[in-house]
Amino acid sequence: MEKEVRIIEAEEAEVRNIEDSRTVEGFGIVFNKESKNLGGFTEIIDPSAASSLIEKNDIFALMNHNINRGVLARSEFGKGSLNIAIEDKGVKYRFDAPLFDLGNELLEGIKRGDIKKSSFSFAVKNDKWIKRSDGSVLRTIIDFEKVFDMSPVYREAYQDTSVAIRSLDEFIQSGIEIIEEDDVNTSEAKTSDAAITDSGAKVTRSEREINLKREHNIIKFKNRKL
């Protein structure tokens, strides 16, 4: 299981300390937000990737991913000092900074503005690659194999993309054609049109059935009156 690391760059993912408390919160994962260029590709995370994230993972909150410095909080399959919630925007984490040096360092770092962003480490179970009309490549993460940690970080520049780049290279070299974006859009549009047509047909059938039943009931009522 090979680990990848990403910085959460979205504005809404800023780590913050709740005023007059030791509570720290931020987004460890943001959905449907395209990353910067990660070395030949960009990346988004589909909401489906987090469908069973909480109950299937033992997730730590660490300082700069470094467990040797100690643990800020932990969610062990949904239980523990680290609260994790799946929201529309992404995966939000929340915990109380522990009452020892590492917790105090975190609070002071946030207060001074030295710590602003989150980062998370993970392994991918399922993804897809799309080549766009401009030649750029988009990776969509569909399912996580594992999420290791969601961590406040000092340094925003650290992004371990070596696993993804190797995966992209292998995908291209395997001879499997990368799906063109235009083809995907066309396919989705056809599927959507088919769904609308089918839905419309159902509505039409439903209305016809209601009218027939109504007429049948009126006839029964008249016969009963007679």
C-alpha atoms as a PDB file:
ATOM      1  CA  MET A   1       0.000   0.000   0.000  1.00  0.00           C
ATOM      2  CA  GLU A   2       1.742   3.129  -1.249  1.00  0.00           C
ATOM      3  CA  LYS A   3       1.178   6.449   0.479  1.00  0.00           C
ATOM      4  CA  GLU A   4       0.503   9.780  -1.228  1.00  0.00           C
ATOM      5  CA  VAL A   5       0.432  13.210   0.421  1.00  0.00           C
ATOM      6  CA  ARG A   6      -1.572  16.295  -0.581  1.00  0.00           C
ATOM      7  CA  ILE A   7      -1.848  19.838   0.709  1.00  0.00           C
ATOM      8  CA  ILE A   8      -5.427  21.119   0.985  1.00  0.00           C
ATOM      9  CA  GLU A   9      -5.249  24.363  -0.977  1.00  0.00           C
ATOM     10  CA  ALA A  10      -8.904  25.470  -0.943  1.00  0.00           C
ATOM     11  CA  GLU A  11      -9.655  28.619   1.057  1.00  0.00           C
ATOM     12  CA  GLU A  12     -12.344  26.875   3.091  1.00  0.00           C
ATOM     13  CA  ALA A  13      -9.755  24.349   4.282  1.00  0.00           C
ATOM     14  CA  GLU A  14      -7.862  26.822   6.476  1.00  0.00           C
ATOM     15  CA  VAL A  15      -7.018  25.440   9.895  1.00  0.00           C
ATOM     16  CA  ARG A  16      -8.493  27.561  12.670  1.00  0.00           C
ATOM     17  CA  ASN A  17      -8.704  27.697  16.424  1.00  0.00           C
ATOM     18  CA  ILE A  18     -12.158  28.312  17.911  1.00  0.00           C
ATOM     19  CA  GLU A  19     -11.907  31.502  19.980  1.00  0.00           C
ATOM     20  CA  ASP A  20     -11.498  31.069  23.756  1.00  0.00           C
ATOM     21  CA  SER A  21     -11.028  27.310  23.454  1.00  0.00           C
ATOM     22  CA  ARG A  22      -8.434  24.711  22.527  1.00  0.00           C
ATOM     23  CA  THR A  23     -10.611  23.398  19.698  1.00  0.00           C
ATOM     24  CA  VAL A  24      -8.967  23.181  16.277  1.00  0.00           C
ATOM     25  CA  GLU A  25     -10.837  22.444  13.056  1.00  0.00           C
ATOM     26  CA  GLY A  26     -10.319  22.382   9.313  1.00  0.00           C
ATOM     27  CA  PHE A  27     -11.043  20.382   6.182  1.00  0.00           C
ATOM     28  CA  GLY A  28      -8.734  17.439   5.697  1.00  0.00           C
ATOM     29  CA  ILE A  29     -10.226  16.643   2.269  1.00  0.00           C
ATOM     30  CA  VAL A  30     -12.112  18.917  -0.139  1.00  0.00           C
ATOM     31  CA  PHE A  31     -14.373  17.438  -2.828  1.00  0.00           C
ATOM     32  CA  ASN A  32     -14.532  18.446  -6.495  1.00  0.00           C
ATOM     33  CA  LYS A  33     -11.829  21.093  -6.144  1.00  0.00           C
ATOM     34  CA  GLU A  34      -9.234  20.864  -8.887  1.00  0.00           C
ATOM     35  CA  SER A  35      -5.680  20.965  -7.618  1.00  0.00           C
ATOM     36  CA  LYS A  36      -2.750  22.871  -9.016  1.00  0.00           C
ATOM     37  CA  ASN A  37      -0.516  21.096 -11.510  1.00  0.00           C
ATOM     38  CA  LEU A  38       0.967  18.152  -9.633  1.00  0.00           C
ATOM     39  CA  GLY A  39       3.621  17.291 -12.186  1.00  0.00           C
ATOM     40  CA  GLY A  40       1.859  16.597 -15.473  1.00  0.00           C
ATOM     41  CA  PHE A  41      -1.672  16.256 -14.136  1.00  0.00           C
ATOM     42  CA  THR A  42      -4.263  17.884 -11.906  1.00  0.00           C
ATOM     43  CA  GLU A  43      -6.528  16.068  -9.496  1.00  0.00           C
ATOM     44  CA  ILE A  44      -9.974  16.148  -7.939  1.00  0.00           C
ATOM     45  CA  ILE A  45     -11.533  13.983  -5.238  1.00  0.00           C
ATOM     46  CA  ASP A  46     -14.985  12.607  -5.903  1.00  0.00           C
ATOM     47  CA  PRO A  47     -17.334  12.593  -2.863  1.00  0.00           C
ATOM     48  CA  SER A  48     -17.777   8.835  -3.327  1.00  0.00           C
ATOM     49  CA  ALA A  49     -14.177   8.362  -2.200  1.00  0.00           C
ATOM     50  CA  ALA A  50     -15.183   9.203   1.380  1.00  0.00           C
ATOM     51  CA  SER A  51     -18.333   7.067   1.512  1.00  0.00           C
ATOM     52  CA  SER A  52     -16.955   4.676   4.159  1.00  0.00           C
ATOM     53  CA  LEU A  53     -13.898   6.648   5.229  1.00  0.00           C
ATOM     54  CA  ILE A  54     -14.797   7.088   8.907  1.00  0.00           C
ATOM     55  CA  GLU A  55     -15.730   3.544   9.863  1.00  0.00           C
ATOM     56  CA  LYS A  56     -12.941   1.850   7.878  1.00  0.00           C
ATOM     57  CA  ASN A  57      -9.909   3.932   8.895  1.00  0.00           C
ATOM     58  CA  ASP A  58      -7.717   4.568  11.915  1.00  0.00           C
ATOM     59  CA  ILE A  59      -6.895   8.238  11.291  1.00  0.00           C
ATOM     60  CA  PHE A  60      -4.441  10.435  13.186  1.00  0.00           C
ATOM     61  CA  ALA A  61      -4.074  14.188  13.485  1.00  0.00           C
ATOM     62  CA  LEU A  62      -0.325  14.825  13.500  1.00  0.00           C
ATOM     63  CA  MET A  63       2.001  17.783  13.220  1.00  0.00           C
ATOM     64  CA  ASN A  64       3.443  17.793   9.696  1.00  0.00           C
ATOM     65  CA  HIS A  65       2.563  14.059   9.339  1.00  0.00           C
ATOM     66  CA  ASN A  66       5.268  13.244  11.880  1.00  0.00           C
ATOM     67  CA  ILE A  67       4.004  10.632  14.340  1.00  0.00           C
ATOM     68  CA  ASN A  68       7.401  10.639  16.067  1.00  0.00           C
ATOM     69  CA  ARG A  69       6.563  14.048  17.504  1.00  0.00           C
ATOM     70  CA  GLY A  70       3.400  12.688  19.125  1.00  0.00           C
ATOM     71  CA  VAL A  71      -0.305  12.486  18.337  1.00  0.00           C
ATOM     72  CA  LEU A  72      -2.667  15.459  18.443  1.00  0.00           C
ATOM     73  CA  ALA A  73      -5.822  13.352  18.125  1.00  0.00           C
ATOM     74  CA  ARG A  74      -7.048  10.044  16.750  1.00  0.00           C
ATOM     75  CA  SER A  75     -10.210   8.627  15.187  1.00  0.00           C
ATOM     76  CA  GLU A  76     -10.107   4.852  15.501  1.00  0.00           C
ATOM     77  CA  PHE A  77     -12.836   3.649  13.142  1.00  0.00           C
ATOM     78  CA  GLY A  78     -15.066   6.570  14.115  1.00  0.00           C
ATOM     79  CA  LYS A  79     -14.286   6.693  17.831  1.00  0.00           C
ATOM     80  CA  GLY A  80     -11.746   8.736  19.737  1.00  0.00           C
ATOM     81  CA  SER A  81     -10.475  12.264  20.296  1.00  0.00           C
ATOM     82  CA  LEU A  82     -10.558  13.192  16.591  1.00  0.00           C
ATOM     83  CA  ASN A  83     -14.021  14.023  15.291  1.00  0.00           C
ATOM     84  CA  ILE A  84     -14.448  13.505  11.543  1.00  0.00           C
ATOM     85  CA  ALA A  85     -17.564  14.527   9.615  1.00  0.00           C
ATOM     86  CA  ILE A  86     -18.480  14.151   5.951  1.00  0.00           C
ATOM     87  CA  GLU A  87     -19.966  17.407   4.663  1.00  0.00           C
ATOM     88  CA  ASP A  88     -20.960  18.684   1.219  1.00  0.00           C
ATOM     89  CA  LYS A  89     -17.612  20.467   0.806  1.00  0.00           C
ATOM     90  CA  GLY A  90     -15.479  17.624   2.018  1.00  0.00           C
ATOM     91  CA  VAL A  91     -14.202  15.844   5.115  1.00  0.00           C
ATOM     92  CA  LYS A  92     -13.962  18.069   8.173  1.00  0.00           C
ATOM     93  CA  TYR A  93     -11.899  17.269  11.254  1.00  0.00           C
ATOM     94  CA  ARG A  94     -12.153  18.747  14.741  1.00  0.00           C
ATOM     95  CA  PHE A  95     -10.308  18.091  17.994  1.00  0.00           C
ATOM     96  CA  ASP A  96      -9.178  19.719  21.205  1.00  0.00           C
ATOM     97  CA  ALA A  97      -5.455  20.463  21.224  1.00  0.00           C
ATOM     98  CA  PRO A  98      -3.919  18.220  23.912  1.00  0.00           C
ATOM     99  CA  LEU A  99      -2.602  19.724  27.146  1.00  0.00           C
ATOM    100  CA  PHE A 100       1.054  19.074  26.421  1.00  0.00           C
ATOM    101  CA  ASP A 101       3.797  20.781  24.422  1.00  0.00           C
ATOM    102  CA  LEU A 102       2.683  19.634  20.966  1.00  0.00           C
ATOM    103  CA  GLY A 103      -0.857  20.917  21.534  1.00  0.00           C
ATOM    104  CA  ASN A 104       0.450  24.246  22.795  1.00  0.00           C
ATOM    105  CA  GLU A 105       2.775  24.538  19.787  1.00  0.00           C
ATOM    106  CA  LEU A 106      -0.157  23.944  17.443  1.00  0.00           C
ATOM    107  CA  LEU A 107      -2.324  26.624  19.071  1.00  0.00           C
ATOM    108  CA  GLU A 108       0.511  29.143  19.086  1.00  0.00           C
ATOM    109  CA  GLY A 109       1.362  28.312  15.461  1.00  0.00           C
ATOM    110  CA  ILE A 110      -2.241  28.935  14.380  1.00  0.00           C
ATOM    111  CA  LYS A 111      -2.437  32.142  16.424  1.00  0.00           C
ATOM    112  CA  ARG A 112       0.787  33.499  14.860  1.00  0.00           C
ATOM    113  CA  GLY A 113      -0.307  32.486  11.351  1.00  0.00           C
ATOM    114  CA  ASP A 114       2.551  30.008  10.956  1.00  0.00           C
ATOM    115  CA  ILE A 115       0.117  27.113  10.558  1.00  0.00           C
ATOM    116  CA  LYS A 116      -2.658  27.790   8.052  1.00  0.00           C
ATOM    117  CA  LYS A 117      -3.290  24.688   5.969  1.00  0.00           C
ATOM    118  CA  SER A 118      -4.059  21.011   6.312  1.00  0.00           C
ATOM    119  CA  SER A 119      -2.541  18.066   4.540  1.00  0.00           C
ATOM    120  CA  PHE A 120      -3.585  14.442   4.380  1.00  0.00           C
ATOM    121  CA  SER A 121      -1.933  11.180   3.463  1.00  0.00           C
ATOM    122  CA  PHE A 122      -3.720   8.322   1.730  1.00  0.00           C
ATOM    123  CA  ALA A 123      -3.569   5.317  -0.554  1.00  0.00           C
ATOM    124  CA  VAL A 124      -5.819   5.044  -3.609  1.00  0.00           C
ATOM    125  CA  LYS A 125      -7.984   2.046  -4.380  1.00  0.00           C
ATOM    126  CA  ASN A 126      -9.666   3.339  -7.537  1.00  0.00           C
ATOM    127  CA  ASP A 127      -9.101   6.340  -9.794  1.00  0.00           C
ATOM    128  CA  LYS A 128      -9.620   7.378 -13.411  1.00  0.00           C
ATOM    129  CA  TRP A 129      -7.619   9.468 -15.846  1.00  0.00           C
ATOM    130  CA  ILE A 130      -9.053  11.817 -18.461  1.00  0.00           C
ATOM    131  CA  LYS A 131      -7.103  13.577 -21.195  1.00  0.00           C
ATOM    132  CA  ARG A 132      -8.609  16.948 -22.020  1.00  0.00           C
ATOM    133  CA  SER A 133      -8.846  18.632 -25.390  1.00  0.00           C
ATOM    134  CA  ASP A 134      -5.989  20.993 -24.425  1.00  0.00           C
ATOM    135  CA  GLY A 135      -3.717  18.031 -23.710  1.00  0.00           C
ATOM    136  CA  SER A 136      -3.835  18.320 -19.916  1.00  0.00           C
ATOM    137  CA  VAL A 137      -4.616  15.255 -17.802  1.00  0.00           C
ATOM    138  CA  LEU A 138      -7.100  15.101 -14.940  1.00  0.00           C
ATOM    139  CA  ARG A 139      -7.055  12.400 -12.302  1.00  0.00           C
ATOM    140  CA  THR A 140     -10.231  11.717 -10.324  1.00  0.00           C
ATOM    141  CA  ILE A 141      -9.899   9.777  -7.082  1.00  0.00           C
ATOM    142  CA  ILE A 142     -12.992   7.600  -6.797  1.00  0.00           C
ATOM    143  CA  ASP A 143     -12.155   5.445  -3.781  1.00  0.00           C
ATOM    144  CA  PHE A 144      -9.521   5.472  -1.043  1.00  0.00           C
ATOM    145  CA  GLU A 145      -7.794   2.280   0.007  1.00  0.00           C
ATOM    146  CA  LYS A 146      -6.807   4.002   3.249  1.00  0.00           C
ATOM    147  CA  VAL A 147      -6.553   7.457   4.821  1.00  0.00           C
ATOM    148  CA  PHE A 148      -3.622   7.603   7.254  1.00  0.00           C
ATOM    149  CA  ASP A 149      -3.816  11.092   8.709  1.00  0.00           C
ATOM    150  CA  MET A 150      -5.223  14.613   8.417  1.00  0.00           C
ATOM    151  CA  SER A 151      -2.637  17.010   9.735  1.00  0.00           C
ATOM    152  CA  PRO A 152      -2.069  20.726  10.289  1.00  0.00           C
ATOM    153  CA  VAL A 153       1.167  21.667   8.524  1.00  0.00           C
ATOM    154  CA  TYR A 154       3.700  24.477   8.512  1.00  0.00           C
ATOM    155  CA  ARG A 155       4.974  23.973   4.995  1.00  0.00           C
ATOM    156  CA  GLU A 156       2.529  24.120   2.089  1.00  0.00           C
ATOM    157  CA  ALA A 157       5.006  23.117  -0.615  1.00  0.00           C
ATOM    158  CA  TYR A 158       5.260  19.436   0.368  1.00  0.00           C
ATOM    159  CA  GLN A 159       3.273  17.277  -2.029  1.00  0.00           C
ATOM    160  CA  ASP A 160       4.303  13.663  -2.506  1.00  0.00           C
ATOM    161  CA  THR A 161       2.954  12.842  -5.975  1.00  0.00           C
ATOM    162  CA  SER A 162       5.513  10.230  -6.991  1.00  0.00           C
ATOM    163  CA  VAL A 163       3.021   7.342  -6.692  1.00  0.00           C
ATOM    164  CA  ALA A 164       0.434   9.114  -8.859  1.00  0.00           C
ATOM    165  CA  ILE A 165       3.005  10.092 -11.488  1.00  0.00           C
ATOM    166  CA  ARG A 166       4.231   6.517 -11.681  1.00  0.00           C
ATOM    167  CA  SER A 167       0.621   5.339 -11.961  1.00  0.00           C
ATOM    168  CA  LEU A 168       0.004   7.756 -14.829  1.00  0.00           C
ATOM    169  CA  ASP A 169       3.178   6.663 -16.634  1.00  0.00           C
ATOM    170  CA  GLU A 170       2.251   2.997 -16.266  1.00  0.00           C
ATOM    171  CA  PHE A 171      -1.269   3.711 -17.456  1.00  0.00           C
ATOM    172  CA  ILE A 172      -0.003   5.429 -20.601  1.00  0.00           C
ATOM    173  CA  GLN A 173       2.666   2.807 -21.310  1.00  0.00           C
ATOM    174  CA  SER A 174       0.197  -0.040 -20.877  1.00  0.00           C
ATOM    175  CA  GLY A 175      -1.403   0.958 -24.169  1.00  0.00           C
ATOM    176  CA  ILE A 176      -4.766   1.634 -22.562  1.00  0.00           C
ATOM    177  CA  GLU A 177      -6.110   4.767 -24.175  1.00  0.00           C
ATOM    178  CA  ILE A 178      -6.761   7.725 -21.898  1.00  0.00           C
ATOM    179  CA  ILE A 179     -10.373   8.807 -22.325  1.00  0.00           C
ATOM    180  CA  GLU A 180     -10.749  12.104 -24.116  1.00  0.00           C
ATOM    181  CA  GLU A 181     -12.747  14.658 -22.157  1.00  0.00           C
ATOM    182  CA  ASP A 182     -15.027  15.381 -25.119  1.00  0.00           C
ATOM    183  CA  ASP A 183     -15.892  11.688 -25.380  1.00  0.00           C
ATOM    184  CA  VAL A 184     -16.764  11.571 -21.690  1.00  0.00           C
ATOM    185  CA  ASN A 185     -18.994  14.632 -21.986  1.00  0.00           C
ATOM    186  CA  THR A 186     -20.754  13.192 -25.028  1.00  0.00           C
ATOM    187  CA  SER A 187     -21.301   9.870 -23.284  1.00  0.00           C
ATOM    188  CA  GLU A 188     -22.651  11.586 -20.165  1.00  0.00           C
ATOM    189  CA  ALA A 189     -24.949  13.749 -22.262  1.00  0.00           C
ATOM    190  CA  LYS A 190     -26.376  10.688 -24.051  1.00  0.00           C
ATOM    191  CA  THR A 191     -26.919   8.950 -20.712  1.00  0.00           C
ATOM    192  CA  SER A 192     -28.612  12.067 -19.340  1.00  0.00           C
ATOM    193  CA  ASP A 193     -30.876  12.385 -22.404  1.00  0.00           C
ATOM    194  CA  ALA A 194     -31.818   8.724 -22.142  1.00  0.00           C
ATOM    195  CA  ALA A 195     -32.657   9.166 -18.476  1.00  0.00           C
ATOM    196  CA  ILE A 196     -34.816  12.214 -19.241  1.00  0.00           C
ATOM    197  CA  THR A 197     -36.598  10.391 -22.063  1.00  0.00           C
ATOM    198  CA  ASP A 198     -37.208   7.395 -19.848  1.00  0.00           C
ATOM    199  CA  SER A 199     -38.417   9.629 -17.048  1.00  0.00           C
ATOM    200  CA  GLY A 200     -40.720  11.452 -19.436  1.00  0.00           C
ATOM    201  CA  ALA A 201     -42.114   8.148 -20.709  1.00  0.00           C
ATOM    202  CA  LYS A 202     -42.808   7.079 -17.138  1.00  0.00           C
ATOM    203  CA  VAL A 203     -44.629  10.328 -16.446  1.00  0.00           C
ATOM    204  CA  THR A 204     -46.714   9.907 -19.605  1.00  0.00           C
ATOM    205  CA  ARG A 205     -47.574   6.320 -18.736  1.00  0.00           C
ATOM    206  CA  SER A 206     -48.396   7.328 -15.194  1.00  0.00           C
ATOM    207  CA  GLU A 207     -50.728  10.099 -16.295  1.00  0.00           C
ATOM    208  CA  ARG A 208     -52.451   7.781 -18.782  1.00  0.00           C
ATOM    209  CA  GLU A 209     -52.924   5.146 -16.091  1.00  0.00           C
ATOM    210  CA  ILE A 210     -54.400   7.711 -13.686  1.00  0.00           C
ATOM    211  CA  ASN A 211     -56.857   8.920 -16.309  1.00  0.00           C
ATOM    212  CA  LEU A 212     -57.928   5.360 -17.163  1.00  0.00           C
ATOM    213  CA  LYS A 213     -58.445   4.555 -13.501  1.00  0.00           C
ATOM    214  CA  ARG A 214     -60.386   7.767 -12.997  1.00  0.00           C
ATOM    215  CA  GLU A 215     -62.668   6.956 -15.968  1.00  0.00           C
ATOM    216  CA  HIS A 216     -63.112   3.393 -14.714  1.00  0.00           C
ATOM    217  CA  ASN A 217     -64.055   4.603 -11.225  1.00  0.00           C
ATOM    218  CA  ILE A 218     -66.573   7.105 -12.659  1.00  0.00           C
ATOM    219  CA  ILE A 219     -68.241   4.313 -14.675  1.00  0.00           C
ATOM    220  CA  LYS A 220     -68.367   2.095 -11.574  1.00  0.00           C
ATOM    221  CA  PHE A 221     -69.854   4.928  -9.549  1.00  0.00           C
ATOM    222  CA  LYS A 222     -72.553   5.624 -12.197  1.00  0.00           C
ATOM    223  CA  ASN A 223     -73.468   1.943 -12.420  1.00  0.00           C
ATOM    224  CA  ARG A 224     -73.730   1.750  -8.646  1.00  0.00           C
ATOM    225  CA  LYS A 225     -76.049   4.798  -8.593  1.00  0.00           C
ATOM    226  CA  LEU A 226     -78.284   3.198 -11.169  1.00  0.00           C
END
